[in-house]
Amino acid sequence: MPGEEMTKLRLEIAHVLFIDIVGYSKLLINQQSELLRELNEIVSGTSRFREADAQGKLIRLPTGDGMAIQTFICGWEFTAGP
């Protein structure tokens, strides 16, 4: 029955963050590599990133000069620094 199928659906809200390094293509190759390494280090060092990754609720997509991150955890935020 259609009503039974609807009750089995589980809806979730996904939070998506797109990050882009402005001026990336104008940099030397070694500078590009260093910036991508630093970006990955900063993002993966956040507690929200580690929490979502540990729970298997994180999708990461490299985009060349940045990244796209999708998570299903509410209250997603990034803070850089200590």
PDB file of N, CA and C in Angstrom:
ATOM      1  N   MET A   1       0.832  -1.181   0.000  1.00  0.00           N
ATOM      2  CA  MET A   1       0.000   0.000   0.000  1.00  0.00           C
ATOM      3  C   MET A   1       0.879   1.247   0.000  1.00  0.00           C
ATOM      4  N   PRO A   2       0.435   2.288  -0.670  1.00  0.00           N
ATOM      5  CA  PRO A   2       1.235   3.518  -0.721  1.00  0.00           C
ATOM      6  C   PRO A   2       1.511   4.117   0.650  1.00  0.00           C
ATOM      7  N   GLY A   3       0.572   4.058   1.570  1.00  0.00           N
ATOM      8  CA  GLY A   3       0.765   4.613   2.909  1.00  0.00           C
ATOM      9  C   GLY A   3       1.873   3.908   3.674  1.00  0.00           C
ATOM     10  N   GLU A   4       1.971   2.591   3.493  1.00  0.00           N
ATOM     11  CA  GLU A   4       3.015   1.822   4.166  1.00  0.00           C
ATOM     12  C   GLU A   4       4.394   2.192   3.646  1.00  0.00           C
ATOM     13  N   GLU A   5       4.517   2.394   2.353  1.00  0.00           N
ATOM     14  CA  GLU A   5       5.799   2.770   1.774  1.00  0.00           C
ATOM     15  C   GLU A   5       6.255   4.132   2.292  1.00  0.00           C
ATOM     16  N   MET A   6       5.335   5.065   2.445  1.00  0.00           N
ATOM     17  CA  MET A   6       5.682   6.400   2.910  1.00  0.00           C
ATOM     18  C   MET A   6       6.208   6.373   4.341  1.00  0.00           C
ATOM     19  N   THR A   7       5.688   5.493   5.173  1.00  0.00           N
ATOM     20  CA  THR A   7       6.149   5.446   6.561  1.00  0.00           C
ATOM     21  C   THR A   7       7.541   4.856   6.672  1.00  0.00           C
ATOM     22  N   LYS A   8       8.011   4.149   5.675  1.00  0.00           N
ATOM     23  CA  LYS A   8       9.342   3.551   5.698  1.00  0.00           C
ATOM     24  C   LYS A   8      10.426   4.526   5.243  1.00  0.00           C
ATOM     25  N   LEU A   9      10.035   5.635   4.630  1.00  0.00           N
ATOM     26  CA  LEU A   9      11.011   6.611   4.169  1.00  0.00           C
ATOM     27  C   LEU A   9      11.628   7.347   5.355  1.00  0.00           C
ATOM     28  N   ARG A  10      12.913   7.597   5.272  1.00  0.00           N
ATOM     29  CA  ARG A  10      13.605   8.365   6.303  1.00  0.00           C
ATOM     30  C   ARG A  10      14.251   9.561   5.617  1.00  0.00           C
ATOM     31  N   LEU A  11      13.776  10.729   5.955  1.00  0.00           N
ATOM     32  CA  LEU A  11      14.292  11.937   5.349  1.00  0.00           C
ATOM     33  C   LEU A  11      15.378  12.541   6.223  1.00  0.00           C
ATOM     34  N   GLU A  12      16.424  13.052   5.578  1.00  0.00           N
ATOM     35  CA  GLU A  12      17.511  13.707   6.291  1.00  0.00           C
ATOM     36  C   GLU A  12      17.844  15.013   5.585  1.00  0.00           C
ATOM     37  N   ILE A  13      18.352  15.948   6.338  1.00  0.00           N
ATOM     38  CA  ILE A  13      18.818  17.195   5.769  1.00  0.00           C
ATOM     39  C   ILE A  13      20.334  17.112   5.648  1.00  0.00           C
ATOM     40  N   ALA A  14      20.841  17.391   4.471  1.00  0.00           N
ATOM     41  CA  ALA A  14      22.287  17.385   4.255  1.00  0.00           C
ATOM     42  C   ALA A  14      22.794  18.815   4.269  1.00  0.00           C
ATOM     43  N   HIS A  15      23.953  18.990   4.862  1.00  0.00           N
ATOM     44  CA  HIS A  15      24.618  20.282   4.878  1.00  0.00           C
ATOM     45  C   HIS A  15      25.805  20.182   3.925  1.00  0.00           C
ATOM     46  N   VAL A  16      25.907  21.125   2.984  1.00  0.00           N
ATOM     47  CA  VAL A  16      26.959  21.078   1.976  1.00  0.00           C
ATOM     48  C   VAL A  16      27.799  22.335   2.082  1.00  0.00           C
ATOM     49  N   LEU A  17      29.114  22.155   2.054  1.00  0.00           N
ATOM     50  CA  LEU A  17      30.053  23.261   2.098  1.00  0.00           C
ATOM     51  C   LEU A  17      30.970  23.151   0.886  1.00  0.00           C
ATOM     52  N   PHE A  18      31.037  24.212   0.099  1.00  0.00           N
ATOM     53  CA  PHE A  18      31.949  24.275  -1.035  1.00  0.00           C
ATOM     54  C   PHE A  18      33.076  25.236  -0.689  1.00  0.00           C
ATOM     55  N   ILE A  19      34.317  24.803  -0.902  1.00  0.00           N
ATOM     56  CA  ILE A  19      35.479  25.628  -0.621  1.00  0.00           C
ATOM     57  C   ILE A  19      36.303  25.731  -1.898  1.00  0.00           C
ATOM     58  N   ASP A  20      36.731  26.953  -2.211  1.00  0.00           N
ATOM     59  CA  ASP A  20      37.521  27.204  -3.408  1.00  0.00           C
ATOM     60  C   ASP A  20      38.708  28.080  -3.032  1.00  0.00           C
ATOM     61  N   ILE A  21      39.877  27.770  -3.576  1.00  0.00           N
ATOM     62  CA  ILE A  21      41.059  28.602  -3.369  1.00  0.00           C
ATOM     63  C   ILE A  21      41.129  29.600  -4.520  1.00  0.00           C
ATOM     64  N   VAL A  22      40.880  30.855  -4.200  1.00  0.00           N
ATOM     65  CA  VAL A  22      40.888  31.917  -5.215  1.00  0.00           C
ATOM     66  C   VAL A  22      42.318  32.163  -5.684  1.00  0.00           C
ATOM     67  N   GLY A  23      42.501  32.268  -6.987  1.00  0.00           N
ATOM     68  CA  GLY A  23      43.810  32.538  -7.568  1.00  0.00           C
ATOM     69  C   GLY A  23      44.704  31.315  -7.652  1.00  0.00           C
ATOM     70  N   TYR A  24      44.147  30.141  -7.437  1.00  0.00           N
ATOM     71  CA  TYR A  24      44.915  28.884  -7.414  1.00  0.00           C
ATOM     72  C   TYR A  24      45.704  28.668  -8.706  1.00  0.00           C
ATOM     73  N   SER A  25      45.079  28.870  -9.843  1.00  0.00           N
ATOM     74  CA  SER A  25      45.735  28.574 -11.131  1.00  0.00           C
ATOM     75  C   SER A  25      46.884  29.526 -11.440  1.00  0.00           C
ATOM     76  N   LYS A  26      46.967  30.637 -10.738  1.00  0.00           N
ATOM     77  CA  LYS A  26      48.059  31.603 -10.964  1.00  0.00           C
ATOM     78  C   LYS A  26      49.300  31.272 -10.144  1.00  0.00           C
ATOM     79  N   LEU A  27      49.173  30.298  -9.246  1.00  0.00           N
ATOM     80  CA  LEU A  27      50.288  29.939  -8.368  1.00  0.00           C
ATOM     81  C   LEU A  27      51.202  28.916  -9.032  1.00  0.00           C
ATOM     82  N   LEU A  28      52.437  28.837  -8.545  1.00  0.00           N
ATOM     83  CA  LEU A  28      53.362  27.801  -8.986  1.00  0.00           C
ATOM     84  C   LEU A  28      52.859  26.455  -8.475  1.00  0.00           C
ATOM     85  N   ILE A  29      53.246  25.381  -9.141  1.00  0.00           N
ATOM     86  CA  ILE A  29      52.757  24.048  -8.794  1.00  0.00           C
ATOM     87  C   ILE A  29      53.062  23.694  -7.342  1.00  0.00           C
ATOM     88  N   ASN A  30      54.266  24.019  -6.870  1.00  0.00           N
ATOM     89  CA  ASN A  30      54.593  23.679  -5.481  1.00  0.00           C
ATOM     90  C   ASN A  30      53.752  24.507  -4.506  1.00  0.00           C
ATOM     91  N   GLN A  31      53.398  25.731  -4.867  1.00  0.00           N
ATOM     92  CA  GLN A  31      52.517  26.543  -4.024  1.00  0.00           C
ATOM     93  C   GLN A  31      51.098  25.970  -4.017  1.00  0.00           C
ATOM     94  N   GLN A  32      50.637  25.497  -5.174  1.00  0.00           N
ATOM     95  CA  GLN A  32      49.313  24.876  -5.258  1.00  0.00           C
ATOM     96  C   GLN A  32      49.248  23.658  -4.342  1.00  0.00           C
ATOM     97  N   SER A  33      50.257  22.808  -4.408  1.00  0.00           N
ATOM     98  CA  SER A  33      50.297  21.595  -3.581  1.00  0.00           C
ATOM     99  C   SER A  33      50.291  21.951  -2.101  1.00  0.00           C
ATOM    100  N   GLU A  34      51.074  22.947  -1.725  1.00  0.00           N
ATOM    101  CA  GLU A  34      51.146  23.354  -0.318  1.00  0.00           C
ATOM    102  C   GLU A  34      49.814  23.907   0.165  1.00  0.00           C
ATOM    103  N   LEU A  35      49.143  24.718  -0.651  1.00  0.00           N
ATOM    104  CA  LEU A  35      47.843  25.270  -0.254  1.00  0.00           C
ATOM    105  C   LEU A  35      46.793  24.179  -0.098  1.00  0.00           C
ATOM    106  N   LEU A  36      46.768  23.208  -1.011  1.00  0.00           N
ATOM    107  CA  LEU A  36      45.812  22.103  -0.894  1.00  0.00           C
ATOM    108  C   LEU A  36      46.088  21.267   0.352  1.00  0.00           C
ATOM    109  N   ARG A  37      47.359  21.032   0.639  1.00  0.00           N
ATOM    110  CA  ARG A  37      47.721  20.293   1.847  1.00  0.00           C
ATOM    111  C   ARG A  37      47.255  21.050   3.084  1.00  0.00           C
ATOM    112  N   GLU A  38      47.498  22.358   3.103  1.00  0.00           N
ATOM    113  CA  GLU A  38      47.096  23.177   4.245  1.00  0.00           C
ATOM    114  C   GLU A  38      45.575  23.223   4.399  1.00  0.00           C
ATOM    115  N   LEU A  39      44.856  23.359   3.287  1.00  0.00           N
ATOM    116  CA  LEU A  39      43.396  23.364   3.334  1.00  0.00           C
ATOM    117  C   LEU A  39      42.870  22.049   3.903  1.00  0.00           C
ATOM    118  N   ASN A  40      43.379  20.930   3.397  1.00  0.00           N
ATOM    119  CA  ASN A  40      42.955  19.616   3.899  1.00  0.00           C
ATOM    120  C   ASN A  40      43.268  19.452   5.379  1.00  0.00           C
ATOM    121  N   GLU A  41      44.416  19.939   5.798  1.00  0.00           N
ATOM    122  CA  GLU A  41      44.810  19.849   7.201  1.00  0.00           C
ATOM    123  C   GLU A  41      43.873  20.664   8.090  1.00  0.00           C
ATOM    124  N   ILE A  42      43.546  21.874   7.671  1.00  0.00           N
ATOM    125  CA  ILE A  42      42.660  22.736   8.455  1.00  0.00           C
ATOM    126  C   ILE A  42      41.268  22.121   8.561  1.00  0.00           C
ATOM    127  N   VAL A  43      40.717  21.707   7.431  1.00  0.00           N
ATOM    128  CA  VAL A  43      39.352  21.167   7.421  1.00  0.00           C
ATOM    129  C   VAL A  43      39.275  19.858   8.197  1.00  0.00           C
ATOM    130  N   SER A  44      40.203  18.940   7.931  1.00  0.00           N
ATOM    131  CA  SER A  44      40.151  17.644   8.614  1.00  0.00           C
ATOM    132  C   SER A  44      40.527  17.750  10.090  1.00  0.00           C
ATOM    133  N   GLY A  45      41.096  18.869  10.504  1.00  0.00           N
ATOM    134  CA  GLY A  45      41.441  19.076  11.898  1.00  0.00           C
ATOM    135  C   GLY A  45      40.302  19.596  12.758  1.00  0.00           C
ATOM    136  N   THR A  46      39.180  19.946  12.141  1.00  0.00           N
ATOM    137  CA  THR A  46      38.053  20.454  12.925  1.00  0.00           C
ATOM    138  C   THR A  46      37.325  19.311  13.614  1.00  0.00           C
ATOM    139  N   SER A  47      36.767  19.604  14.765  1.00  0.00           N
ATOM    140  CA  SER A  47      36.075  18.561  15.524  1.00  0.00           C
ATOM    141  C   SER A  47      34.835  18.064  14.789  1.00  0.00           C
ATOM    142  N   ARG A  48      34.120  18.960  14.113  1.00  0.00           N
ATOM    143  CA  ARG A  48      32.912  18.546  13.376  1.00  0.00           C
ATOM    144  C   ARG A  48      33.256  17.593  12.243  1.00  0.00           C
ATOM    145  N   PHE A  49      34.345  17.860  11.547  1.00  0.00           N
ATOM    146  CA  PHE A  49      34.787  17.000  10.456  1.00  0.00           C
ATOM    147  C   PHE A  49      35.113  15.612  10.995  1.00  0.00           C
ATOM    148  N   ARG A  50      35.903  15.552  12.067  1.00  0.00           N
ATOM    149  CA  ARG A  50      36.292  14.266  12.647  1.00  0.00           C
ATOM    150  C   ARG A  50      35.073  13.507  13.169  1.00  0.00           C
ATOM    151  N   GLU A  51      34.130  14.229  13.773  1.00  0.00           N
ATOM    152  CA  GLU A  51      32.907  13.600  14.298  1.00  0.00           C
ATOM    153  C   GLU A  51      32.082  12.987  13.165  1.00  0.00           C
ATOM    154  N   ALA A  52      31.856  13.764  12.110  1.00  0.00           N
ATOM    155  CA  ALA A  52      31.063  13.271  10.983  1.00  0.00           C
ATOM    156  C   ALA A  52      31.760  12.109  10.291  1.00  0.00           C
ATOM    157  N   ASP A  53      33.076  12.192  10.153  1.00  0.00           N
ATOM    158  CA  ASP A  53      33.845  11.127   9.513  1.00  0.00           C
ATOM    159  C   ASP A  53      33.770   9.844  10.338  1.00  0.00           C
ATOM    160  N   ALA A  54      33.903   9.965  11.652  1.00  0.00           N
ATOM    161  CA  ALA A  54      33.860   8.797  12.530  1.00  0.00           C
ATOM    162  C   ALA A  54      32.496   8.119  12.498  1.00  0.00           C
ATOM    163  N   GLN A  55      31.439   8.903  12.302  1.00  0.00           N
ATOM    164  CA  GLN A  55      30.082   8.356  12.264  1.00  0.00           C
ATOM    165  C   GLN A  55      29.686   7.877  10.874  1.00  0.00           C
ATOM    166  N   GLY A  56      30.583   8.037   9.905  1.00  0.00           N
ATOM    167  CA  GLY A  56      30.274   7.630   8.537  1.00  0.00           C
ATOM    168  C   GLY A  56      29.231   8.519   7.887  1.00  0.00           C
ATOM    169  N   LYS A  57      29.142   9.775   8.343  1.00  0.00           N
ATOM    170  CA  LYS A  57      28.140  10.704   7.818  1.00  0.00           C
ATOM    171  C   LYS A  57      28.795  11.859   7.084  1.00  0.00           C
ATOM    172  N   LEU A  58      29.878  11.563   6.376  1.00  0.00           N
ATOM    173  CA  LEU A  58      30.631  12.605   5.690  1.00  0.00           C
ATOM    174  C   LEU A  58      30.955  12.146   4.281  1.00  0.00           C
ATOM    175  N   ILE A  59      30.730  13.021   3.335  1.00  0.00           N
ATOM    176  CA  ILE A  59      31.104  12.759   1.944  1.00  0.00           C
ATOM    177  C   ILE A  59      32.052  13.875   1.530  1.00  0.00           C
ATOM    178  N   ARG A  60      33.248  13.515   1.077  1.00  0.00           N
ATOM    179  CA  ARG A  60      34.247  14.498   0.644  1.00  0.00           C
ATOM    180  C   ARG A  60      34.489  14.347  -0.848  1.00  0.00           C
ATOM    181  N   LEU A  61      34.508  15.456  -1.544  1.00  0.00           N
ATOM    182  CA  LEU A  61      34.777  15.440  -2.978  1.00  0.00           C
ATOM    183  C   LEU A  61      35.855  16.475  -3.297  1.00  0.00           C
ATOM    184  N   PRO A  62      37.035  16.033  -3.733  1.00  0.00           N
ATOM    185  CA  PRO A  62      38.042  17.008  -4.142  1.00  0.00           C
ATOM    186  C   PRO A  62      37.592  17.685  -5.430  1.00  0.00           C
ATOM    187  N   THR A  63      37.852  18.966  -5.550  1.00  0.00           N
ATOM    188  CA  THR A  63      37.406  19.706  -6.731  1.00  0.00           C
ATOM    189  C   THR A  63      38.576  20.342  -7.470  1.00  0.00           C
ATOM    190  N   GLY A  64      39.774  19.863  -7.254  1.00  0.00           N
ATOM    191  CA  GLY A  64      40.945  20.430  -7.915  1.00  0.00           C
ATOM    192  C   GLY A  64      41.571  21.519  -7.072  1.00  0.00           C
ATOM    193  N   ASP A  65      40.902  22.657  -6.973  1.00  0.00           N
ATOM    194  CA  ASP A  65      41.439  23.767  -6.189  1.00  0.00           C
ATOM    195  C   ASP A  65      40.569  24.067  -4.976  1.00  0.00           C
ATOM    196  N   GLY A  66      40.002  23.032  -4.404  1.00  0.00           N
ATOM    197  CA  GLY A  66      39.146  23.201  -3.232  1.00  0.00           C
ATOM    198  C   GLY A  66      38.528  21.878  -2.862  1.00  0.00           C
ATOM    199  N   MET A  67      37.304  21.935  -2.343  1.00  0.00           N
ATOM    200  CA  MET A  67      36.612  20.698  -1.971  1.00  0.00           C
ATOM    201  C   MET A  67      35.131  20.961  -1.766  1.00  0.00           C
ATOM    202  N   ALA A  68      34.371  19.909  -1.821  1.00  0.00           N
ATOM    203  CA  ALA A  68      32.957  19.945  -1.468  1.00  0.00           C
ATOM    204  C   ALA A  68      32.778  18.908  -0.360  1.00  0.00           C
ATOM    205  N   ILE A  69      32.114  19.318   0.710  1.00  0.00           N
ATOM    206  CA  ILE A  69      31.902  18.437   1.858  1.00  0.00           C
ATOM    207  C   ILE A  69      30.409  18.379   2.137  1.00  0.00           C
ATOM    208  N   GLN A  70      29.902  17.177   2.314  1.00  0.00           N
ATOM    209  CA  GLN A  70      28.492  16.996   2.653  1.00  0.00           C
ATOM    210  C   GLN A  70      28.419  16.174   3.921  1.00  0.00           C
ATOM    211  N   THR A  71      27.585  16.620   4.855  1.00  0.00           N
ATOM    212  CA  THR A  71      27.398  15.875   6.095  1.00  0.00           C
ATOM    213  C   THR A  71      25.920  15.863   6.463  1.00  0.00           C
ATOM    214  N   PHE A  72      25.549  14.919   7.290  1.00  0.00           N
ATOM    215  CA  PHE A  72      24.171  14.789   7.743  1.00  0.00           C
ATOM    216  C   PHE A  72      24.051  15.104   9.232  1.00  0.00           C
ATOM    217  N   ILE A  73      25.070  15.752   9.792  1.00  0.00           N
ATOM    218  CA  ILE A  73      25.070  16.116  11.204  1.00  0.00           C
ATOM    219  C   ILE A  73      24.621  17.566  11.335  1.00  0.00           C
ATOM    220  N   CYS A  74      23.669  17.831  12.217  1.00  0.00           N
ATOM    221  CA  CYS A  74      23.191  19.187  12.445  1.00  0.00           C
ATOM    222  C   CYS A  74      24.244  20.003  13.181  1.00  0.00           C
ATOM    223  N   GLY A  75      24.200  21.302  12.991  1.00  0.00           N
ATOM    224  CA  GLY A  75      25.114  22.197  13.681  1.00  0.00           C
ATOM    225  C   GLY A  75      26.498  22.201  13.080  1.00  0.00           C
ATOM    226  N   TRP A  76      26.599  21.896  11.811  1.00  0.00           N
ATOM    227  CA  TRP A  76      27.887  21.825  11.118  1.00  0.00           C
ATOM    228  C   TRP A  76      28.486  23.217  11.028  1.00  0.00           C
ATOM    229  N   GLU A  77      29.714  23.349  11.468  1.00  0.00           N
ATOM    230  CA  GLU A  77      30.404  24.628  11.357  1.00  0.00           C
ATOM    231  C   GLU A  77      31.898  24.371  11.371  1.00  0.00           C
ATOM    232  N   PHE A  78      32.628  25.270  10.761  1.00  0.00           N
ATOM    233  CA  PHE A  78      34.070  25.205  10.763  1.00  0.00           C
ATOM    234  C   PHE A  78      34.614  26.405  11.506  1.00  0.00           C
ATOM    235  N   THR A  79      35.594  26.188  12.323  1.00  0.00           N
ATOM    236  CA  THR A  79      36.296  27.298  12.938  1.00  0.00           C
ATOM    237  C   THR A  79      37.777  26.999  12.808  1.00  0.00           C
ATOM    238  N   ALA A  80      38.502  27.944  12.273  1.00  0.00           N
ATOM    239  CA  ALA A  80      39.947  27.768  12.125  1.00  0.00           C
ATOM    240  C   ALA A  80      40.625  28.359  13.351  1.00  0.00           C
ATOM    241  N   GLY A  81      41.746  27.826  13.686  1.00  0.00           N
ATOM    242  CA  GLY A  81      42.492  28.342  14.827  1.00  0.00           C
ATOM    243  C   GLY A  81      42.495  27.357  15.971  1.00  0.00           C
ATOM    244  N   PRO A  82      43.021  27.785  17.108  1.00  0.00           N
ATOM    245  CA  PRO A  82      43.161  26.868  18.257  1.00  0.00           C
ATOM    246  C   PRO A  82      41.852  26.410  18.845  1.00  0.00           C
TER     247      PRO A  82
END
